[in-house]
Protein backbone atom coordinates (compact mmCIF):
# COMPACT_ATOMS: atom_id res chain seq x y z
CA MET A 1 -11.56 35.37 13.98
CA ALA A 2 -9.15 32.54 13.14
CA SER A 3 -10.43 30.01 10.64
CA GLU A 4 -10.57 26.36 11.52
CA SER A 5 -8.15 23.84 10.05
CA SER A 6 -9.09 20.24 9.39
CA PHE A 7 -8.04 16.90 7.97
CA ASP A 8 -9.75 13.58 7.24
CA VAL A 9 -8.71 10.20 8.60
CA VAL A 10 -9.37 7.52 5.97
CA SER A 11 -8.44 3.92 5.30
CA LYS A 12 -7.86 3.49 1.58
CA VAL A 13 -5.72 1.05 -0.39
CA ASP A 14 -4.21 1.62 -3.83
CA ARG A 15 -5.73 -1.31 -5.75
CA GLN A 16 -3.09 -1.06 -8.47
CA GLU A 17 -0.30 -1.52 -5.92
CA VAL A 18 -2.11 -4.54 -4.41
CA ASP A 19 -2.48 -5.99 -7.90
CA ASN A 20 1.22 -5.39 -8.59
CA ALA A 21 2.16 -7.09 -5.29
CA LEU A 22 -0.09 -10.05 -6.14
CA ASN A 23 1.46 -10.40 -9.62
CA GLN A 24 4.98 -10.24 -8.16
CA ALA A 25 4.08 -12.87 -5.56
CA ALA A 26 2.56 -15.14 -8.24
CA LYS A 27 5.71 -14.81 -10.35
CA GLU A 28 7.96 -15.63 -7.39
CA ILE A 29 5.80 -18.64 -6.44
CA THR A 30 6.07 -20.10 -9.96
CA GLN A 31 9.85 -19.65 -9.95
CA ARG A 32 10.83 -20.72 -6.43
CA TYR A 33 12.20 -24.24 -6.02
CA ASP A 34 10.38 -24.96 -2.74
CA PHE A 35 7.02 -24.31 -4.45
CA LYS A 36 7.64 -26.69 -7.39
CA GLY A 37 5.09 -29.51 -7.61
CA VAL A 38 2.97 -28.44 -4.63
CA GLY A 39 0.20 -26.74 -6.60
CA ALA A 40 0.91 -23.38 -4.96
CA SER A 41 -0.82 -20.37 -6.48
CA ILE A 42 -2.19 -16.95 -5.63
CA SER A 43 -4.88 -15.12 -7.58
CA TRP A 44 -7.82 -12.75 -7.39
CA SER A 45 -11.14 -14.33 -6.50
CA GLY A 46 -13.64 -11.51 -6.91
CA ASP A 47 -12.57 -8.81 -4.43
CA SER A 48 -10.46 -11.16 -2.30
CA VAL A 49 -7.10 -12.86 -2.76
CA LEU A 50 -7.14 -16.68 -2.94
CA MET A 51 -4.03 -18.65 -1.94
CA VAL A 52 -3.91 -22.37 -2.75
CA ALA A 53 -1.39 -25.18 -2.05
CA ASN A 54 -1.31 -28.87 -1.15
CA SER A 55 -0.50 -28.37 2.57
CA PRO A 56 -1.39 -25.76 5.22
CA GLU A 57 2.29 -24.86 5.68
CA ARG A 58 2.68 -24.13 1.95
CA VAL A 59 -0.43 -21.90 1.98
CA LEU A 60 1.05 -19.93 4.89
CA ALA A 61 4.34 -19.68 2.94
CA VAL A 62 2.39 -18.24 -0.04
CA LEU A 63 0.75 -15.76 2.38
CA ASP A 64 4.19 -14.79 3.68
CA VAL A 65 5.46 -14.12 0.13
CA PHE A 66 2.37 -11.97 -0.59
CA GLN A 67 2.77 -10.03 2.68
CA THR A 68 6.43 -9.36 1.85
CA LYS A 69 5.43 -7.97 -1.56
CA LEU A 70 2.73 -5.77 0.04
CA ILE A 71 5.25 -4.30 2.51
CA LYS A 72 7.73 -3.58 -0.30
CA ARG A 73 4.97 -1.70 -2.15
CA GLY A 74 4.14 0.42 0.93
CA ILE A 75 0.79 -1.20 1.78
CA SER A 76 0.03 -1.82 5.44
CA LEU A 77 -0.66 -5.43 6.41
CA LYS A 78 -3.67 -4.13 8.38
CA ALA A 79 -5.40 -3.73 5.01
CA LEU A 80 -5.21 -7.53 4.43
CA ASP A 81 -7.82 -9.52 6.37
CA THR A 82 -7.26 -13.29 6.28
CA GLY A 83 -9.87 -14.06 8.94
CA GLU A 84 -8.74 -16.69 11.43
CA ASN A 85 -5.57 -17.29 9.35
CA GLU A 86 -6.14 -21.06 9.12
CA PRO A 87 -5.98 -22.66 5.67
CA GLN A 88 -9.19 -24.59 4.94
CA PRO A 89 -9.03 -28.05 3.32
CA SER A 90 -10.80 -28.23 -0.03
CA GLY A 91 -10.50 -31.66 -1.60
CA LYS A 92 -6.77 -32.44 -1.96
CA GLU A 93 -5.70 -28.81 -1.50
CA TYR A 94 -5.79 -26.13 1.14
CA ARG A 95 -7.17 -22.65 0.54
CA LEU A 96 -6.85 -19.32 2.33
CA ALA A 97 -8.85 -16.26 1.28
CA GLY A 98 -7.73 -12.76 2.19
CA ALA A 99 -9.94 -9.70 1.78
CA ILE A 100 -8.58 -6.20 1.18
CA LYS A 101 -10.20 -3.88 3.74
CA GLU A 102 -11.02 -0.30 2.79
CA GLY A 103 -12.87 2.43 4.64
CA LEU A 104 -13.21 2.97 8.36
CA SER A 105 -15.89 0.86 10.01
CA SER A 106 -18.18 2.72 12.40
CA GLU A 107 -16.59 0.94 15.39
CA ILE A 108 -13.07 2.00 14.38
CA ALA A 109 -14.22 5.57 13.63
CA LYS A 110 -15.87 5.76 17.08
CA LYS A 111 -12.73 4.36 18.71
CA LEU A 112 -10.55 6.97 16.94
CA ALA A 113 -12.96 9.77 17.94
CA LYS A 114 -12.81 8.58 21.55
CA ILE A 115 -8.99 8.54 21.48
CA VAL A 116 -8.93 12.12 20.16
CA ARG A 117 -11.52 13.23 22.73
CA ASP A 118 -9.76 11.57 25.68
CA GLU A 119 -6.07 12.04 24.87
CA GLY A 120 -5.98 14.82 22.28
CA PRO A 121 -5.64 18.57 22.84
CA LYS A 122 -8.67 20.53 24.05
CA GLY A 123 -10.79 22.22 21.40
CA VAL A 124 -10.30 19.50 18.80
CA LYS A 125 -13.58 18.26 17.32
CA THR A 126 -14.26 15.02 15.45
CA GLN A 127 -17.10 14.17 13.10
CA ILE A 128 -17.80 10.79 11.49
CA GLN A 129 -18.71 11.18 7.81
CA GLY A 130 -19.53 7.86 6.19
CA ASP A 131 -16.36 5.78 6.17
CA GLU A 132 -14.03 8.61 7.22
CA LEU A 133 -13.43 10.80 10.26
CA ARG A 134 -13.05 14.58 10.00
CA VAL A 135 -10.91 16.25 12.66
CA THR A 136 -11.11 20.06 13.07
CA ALA A 137 -9.30 22.51 15.35
CA LYS A 138 -8.39 26.19 15.45
CA SER A 139 -4.66 25.44 15.68
CA ARG A 140 -2.69 23.49 13.07
CA ASP A 141 -0.31 22.46 15.86
CA ASP A 142 -3.23 20.69 17.59
CA LEU A 143 -3.94 18.84 14.34
CA GLN A 144 -0.30 17.76 14.10
CA THR A 145 -0.55 16.46 17.69
CA VAL A 146 -3.71 14.50 16.80
CA ILE A 147 -2.01 12.98 13.72
CA ALA A 148 0.93 11.82 15.87
CA LEU A 149 -1.53 10.45 18.46
CA LEU A 150 -3.51 8.50 15.87
CA LYS A 151 -0.36 7.13 14.19
CA GLY A 152 0.56 5.59 17.55
CA ALA A 153 -2.96 4.26 18.21
CA ASP A 154 -3.51 0.51 18.03
CA VAL A 155 -6.44 0.16 15.64
CA ASP A 156 -7.23 -2.59 13.17
CA ALA A 157 -7.06 -0.39 10.06
CA ALA A 158 -4.43 1.20 7.85
CA LEU A 159 -4.86 4.95 8.47
CA GLN A 160 -4.09 7.78 6.07
CA PHE A 161 -4.50 11.51 6.69
CA VAL A 162 -5.86 13.50 3.74
CA ASN A 163 -7.39 16.91 2.94
CA TYR A 164 -5.16 18.72 5.42
CA ARG A 165 -6.17 22.39 5.27
């Protein structure tokens, strides 16, 4: 009797790396010439990132700097949720809040399970466990196929594959 192999599909973000990216972006914003005198800043606001400037274009430029720093630190942009991506006026300044998404929502987990069921190899089973998805199969090759399939899937979450055994 061959034992079953498995792995978990999760969506986790290294908070320290996000914090480092935010600090690098804040440092660049204070030093760059095109951000001088426009009140541009980026900071933590509870669990979300708050970007502020005196015009919507400047806020989007701050967002672009932050996204560049996230990419350099190996964090997927799918983990950053800025909502409708429109800076909101607040007095004389414009603000944009971006939340860091962690964990698979039940809709995304169901979508991933459906992808595995429909397009994956036969005999592969999925099980939703809280905010992660466990994938089991008799063959490790089938699991490798599922990982490749899920990496190519278009889902609104940064996926990682852990506990491969």
